[in-house]
Amino acid sequence: MLAIVGGTGVGFAGTASALTYDGVAPASSSCWASRAVVKTANIMAGTTQLGYIQLWYSSSCRTTWGRVVTLNA
């Protein structure tokens, strides 16, 4: 059984302009300069942590992206 623990509960104000950045690698865009991790949740299989997932937000671009990190067993 695989479970992702946590909820977002994250809200952002303003108008989104994310469409411009669809399909663009965040690190190769101007969005990278104002990036911040706003939420992290563990990825679990029972009591074993397999990794974690992060929600990133760029205040200058008003866009979000996700990152999944796996842990070596």
N, C-alpha and C. Protein backbone atom coordinates (compact mmCIF):
# COMPACT_ATOMS: atom_id res chain seq x y z
N MET A 1 0.84 -1.17 0.00
CA MET A 1 0.00 0.00 0.00
C MET A 1 0.88 1.23 0.00
N LEU A 2 0.58 2.17 -0.85
CA LEU A 2 1.32 3.42 -0.96
C LEU A 2 0.42 4.56 -0.53
N ALA A 3 0.93 5.41 0.36
CA ALA A 3 0.14 6.54 0.83
C ALA A 3 0.98 7.80 0.81
N ILE A 4 0.38 8.88 0.38
CA ILE A 4 1.03 10.19 0.45
C ILE A 4 0.36 10.92 1.60
N VAL A 5 1.18 11.30 2.57
CA VAL A 5 0.65 11.89 3.79
C VAL A 5 0.71 13.40 3.71
N GLY A 6 -0.36 14.05 4.09
CA GLY A 6 -0.38 15.51 4.14
C GLY A 6 -1.47 16.09 3.26
N GLY A 7 -1.76 17.34 3.48
CA GLY A 7 -2.72 18.07 2.67
C GLY A 7 -2.10 19.40 2.30
N THR A 8 -2.60 20.02 1.29
CA THR A 8 -1.96 21.27 0.87
C THR A 8 -2.37 22.43 1.75
N GLY A 9 -3.62 22.82 1.73
CA GLY A 9 -4.02 23.96 2.53
C GLY A 9 -3.26 25.23 2.16
N VAL A 10 -2.77 25.29 0.93
CA VAL A 10 -1.97 26.42 0.47
C VAL A 10 -2.83 27.28 -0.42
N GLY A 11 -2.82 28.58 -0.20
CA GLY A 11 -3.57 29.49 -1.05
C GLY A 11 -2.67 30.60 -1.57
N PHE A 12 -2.91 31.02 -2.79
CA PHE A 12 -2.12 32.08 -3.40
C PHE A 12 -3.07 33.15 -3.92
N ALA A 13 -2.74 34.39 -3.67
CA ALA A 13 -3.57 35.50 -4.13
C ALA A 13 -3.01 36.05 -5.44
N GLY A 14 -3.86 36.60 -6.25
CA GLY A 14 -3.42 37.24 -7.48
C GLY A 14 -3.83 36.46 -8.71
N THR A 15 -3.49 37.00 -9.84
CA THR A 15 -3.82 36.38 -11.12
C THR A 15 -2.69 35.47 -11.56
N ALA A 16 -3.03 34.28 -12.00
CA ALA A 16 -2.02 33.32 -12.44
C ALA A 16 -1.54 33.69 -13.84
N SER A 17 -0.25 33.53 -14.04
CA SER A 17 0.33 33.71 -15.38
C SER A 17 1.14 32.47 -15.74
N ALA A 18 0.77 31.34 -15.15
CA ALA A 18 1.54 30.11 -15.28
C ALA A 18 1.55 29.53 -16.69
N LEU A 19 0.53 29.79 -17.48
CA LEU A 19 0.44 29.19 -18.81
C LEU A 19 1.71 29.45 -19.62
N THR A 20 2.29 30.60 -19.46
CA THR A 20 3.53 30.94 -20.17
C THR A 20 4.65 29.96 -19.87
N TYR A 21 4.61 29.35 -18.69
CA TYR A 21 5.71 28.50 -18.24
C TYR A 21 5.39 27.01 -18.32
N ASP A 22 4.25 26.63 -18.89
CA ASP A 22 3.92 25.21 -19.05
C ASP A 22 4.99 24.52 -19.88
N GLY A 23 5.50 23.40 -19.38
CA GLY A 23 6.49 22.62 -20.11
C GLY A 23 7.91 23.14 -20.01
N VAL A 24 8.13 24.23 -19.28
CA VAL A 24 9.46 24.82 -19.14
C VAL A 24 10.09 24.31 -17.85
N ALA A 25 11.34 23.89 -17.90
CA ALA A 25 12.05 23.46 -16.69
C ALA A 25 12.23 24.67 -15.77
N PRO A 26 11.78 24.58 -14.54
CA PRO A 26 11.83 25.74 -13.64
C PRO A 26 13.24 26.33 -13.49
N ALA A 27 14.25 25.49 -13.42
CA ALA A 27 15.62 25.98 -13.21
C ALA A 27 16.16 26.75 -14.41
N SER A 28 15.53 26.58 -15.57
CA SER A 28 16.01 27.30 -16.75
C SER A 28 15.11 28.50 -17.09
N SER A 29 14.30 28.92 -16.14
CA SER A 29 13.43 30.07 -16.37
C SER A 29 13.70 31.16 -15.34
N SER A 30 13.13 32.31 -15.56
CA SER A 30 13.27 33.41 -14.62
C SER A 30 12.53 33.13 -13.31
N CYS A 31 11.65 32.13 -13.32
CA CYS A 31 10.88 31.76 -12.13
C CYS A 31 11.77 31.24 -11.00
N TRP A 32 12.89 30.69 -11.36
CA TRP A 32 13.79 30.04 -10.40
C TRP A 32 14.28 31.01 -9.32
N ALA A 33 14.46 32.26 -9.68
CA ALA A 33 15.02 33.24 -8.73
C ALA A 33 14.10 33.50 -7.54
N SER A 34 12.79 33.32 -7.71
CA SER A 34 11.86 33.61 -6.62
C SER A 34 11.17 32.35 -6.11
N ARG A 35 11.83 31.22 -6.25
CA ARG A 35 11.23 29.94 -5.87
C ARG A 35 11.23 29.73 -4.35
N ALA A 36 10.26 28.95 -3.90
CA ALA A 36 10.19 28.57 -2.50
C ALA A 36 9.39 27.29 -2.38
N VAL A 37 9.80 26.42 -1.48
CA VAL A 37 9.02 25.23 -1.16
C VAL A 37 7.92 25.66 -0.20
N VAL A 38 6.66 25.40 -0.58
CA VAL A 38 5.55 25.81 0.27
C VAL A 38 4.90 24.64 1.00
N LYS A 39 5.17 23.41 0.54
CA LYS A 39 4.61 22.24 1.20
C LYS A 39 5.44 21.02 0.86
N THR A 40 5.65 20.15 1.84
CA THR A 40 6.36 18.89 1.65
C THR A 40 5.55 17.79 2.34
N ALA A 41 5.45 16.64 1.69
CA ALA A 41 4.75 15.49 2.28
C ALA A 41 5.57 14.23 2.01
N ASN A 42 5.61 13.35 2.99
CA ASN A 42 6.32 12.09 2.84
C ASN A 42 5.54 11.12 1.97
N ILE A 43 6.25 10.29 1.23
CA ILE A 43 5.67 9.19 0.46
C ILE A 43 6.04 7.92 1.23
N MET A 44 5.01 7.23 1.70
CA MET A 44 5.22 6.09 2.59
C MET A 44 4.67 4.80 1.99
N ALA A 45 5.30 3.68 2.36
CA ALA A 45 4.79 2.33 2.11
C ALA A 45 4.76 1.68 3.49
N GLY A 46 3.62 1.69 4.11
CA GLY A 46 3.54 1.24 5.50
C GLY A 46 4.29 2.21 6.39
N THR A 47 5.31 1.70 7.08
CA THR A 47 6.11 2.55 7.96
C THR A 47 7.44 2.96 7.32
N THR A 48 7.65 2.58 6.06
CA THR A 48 8.89 2.89 5.35
C THR A 48 8.71 4.12 4.47
N GLN A 49 9.58 5.11 4.67
CA GLN A 49 9.52 6.29 3.82
C GLN A 49 10.24 5.99 2.51
N LEU A 50 9.53 6.13 1.41
CA LEU A 50 10.10 5.90 0.08
C LEU A 50 10.69 7.17 -0.50
N GLY A 51 10.20 8.30 -0.04
CA GLY A 51 10.65 9.58 -0.56
C GLY A 51 9.75 10.68 -0.06
N TYR A 52 9.72 11.78 -0.81
CA TYR A 52 8.83 12.88 -0.45
C TYR A 52 8.47 13.66 -1.71
N ILE A 53 7.38 14.40 -1.59
CA ILE A 53 6.89 15.22 -2.69
C ILE A 53 6.83 16.66 -2.19
N GLN A 54 7.20 17.59 -3.06
CA GLN A 54 7.21 19.00 -2.69
C GLN A 54 6.37 19.81 -3.66
N LEU A 55 5.72 20.83 -3.11
CA LEU A 55 5.03 21.84 -3.91
C LEU A 55 5.89 23.10 -3.87
N TRP A 56 6.32 23.55 -5.04
CA TRP A 56 7.14 24.75 -5.16
C TRP A 56 6.29 25.87 -5.74
N TYR A 57 6.60 27.11 -5.38
CA TYR A 57 5.88 28.28 -5.87
C TYR A 57 6.88 29.38 -6.23
N SER A 58 6.64 30.04 -7.34
CA SER A 58 7.44 31.20 -7.75
C SER A 58 6.57 32.45 -7.63
N SER A 59 6.97 33.35 -6.75
CA SER A 59 6.18 34.57 -6.56
C SER A 59 6.28 35.52 -7.75
N SER A 60 7.40 35.52 -8.44
CA SER A 60 7.53 36.43 -9.59
C SER A 60 6.73 35.94 -10.80
N CYS A 61 6.62 34.64 -10.97
CA CYS A 61 5.89 34.08 -12.11
C CYS A 61 4.47 33.65 -11.75
N ARG A 62 4.20 33.59 -10.44
CA ARG A 62 2.91 33.11 -9.95
C ARG A 62 2.56 31.76 -10.54
N THR A 63 3.51 30.87 -10.46
CA THR A 63 3.32 29.51 -10.97
C THR A 63 3.81 28.52 -9.93
N THR A 64 3.33 27.30 -10.05
CA THR A 64 3.73 26.23 -9.13
C THR A 64 4.25 25.05 -9.91
N TRP A 65 5.02 24.21 -9.24
CA TRP A 65 5.45 22.94 -9.82
C TRP A 65 5.72 21.97 -8.70
N GLY A 66 5.74 20.70 -9.05
CA GLY A 66 5.98 19.66 -8.06
C GLY A 66 7.33 19.01 -8.27
N ARG A 67 7.83 18.44 -7.20
CA ARG A 67 9.10 17.70 -7.25
C ARG A 67 8.93 16.45 -6.40
N VAL A 68 9.30 15.30 -6.95
CA VAL A 68 9.27 14.05 -6.22
C VAL A 68 10.71 13.57 -6.04
N VAL A 69 11.06 13.26 -4.80
CA VAL A 69 12.40 12.78 -4.47
C VAL A 69 12.27 11.39 -3.89
N THR A 70 13.00 10.43 -4.46
CA THR A 70 13.01 9.07 -3.93
C THR A 70 14.25 8.89 -3.06
N LEU A 71 14.08 8.11 -2.01
CA LEU A 71 15.19 7.81 -1.11
C LEU A 71 15.78 6.46 -1.46
N ASN A 72 17.07 6.35 -1.36
CA ASN A 72 17.74 5.07 -1.62
C ASN A 72 17.47 4.11 -0.47
N ALA A 73 17.10 2.89 -0.82
CA ALA A 73 16.80 1.89 0.22
C ALA A 73 18.04 1.12 0.59
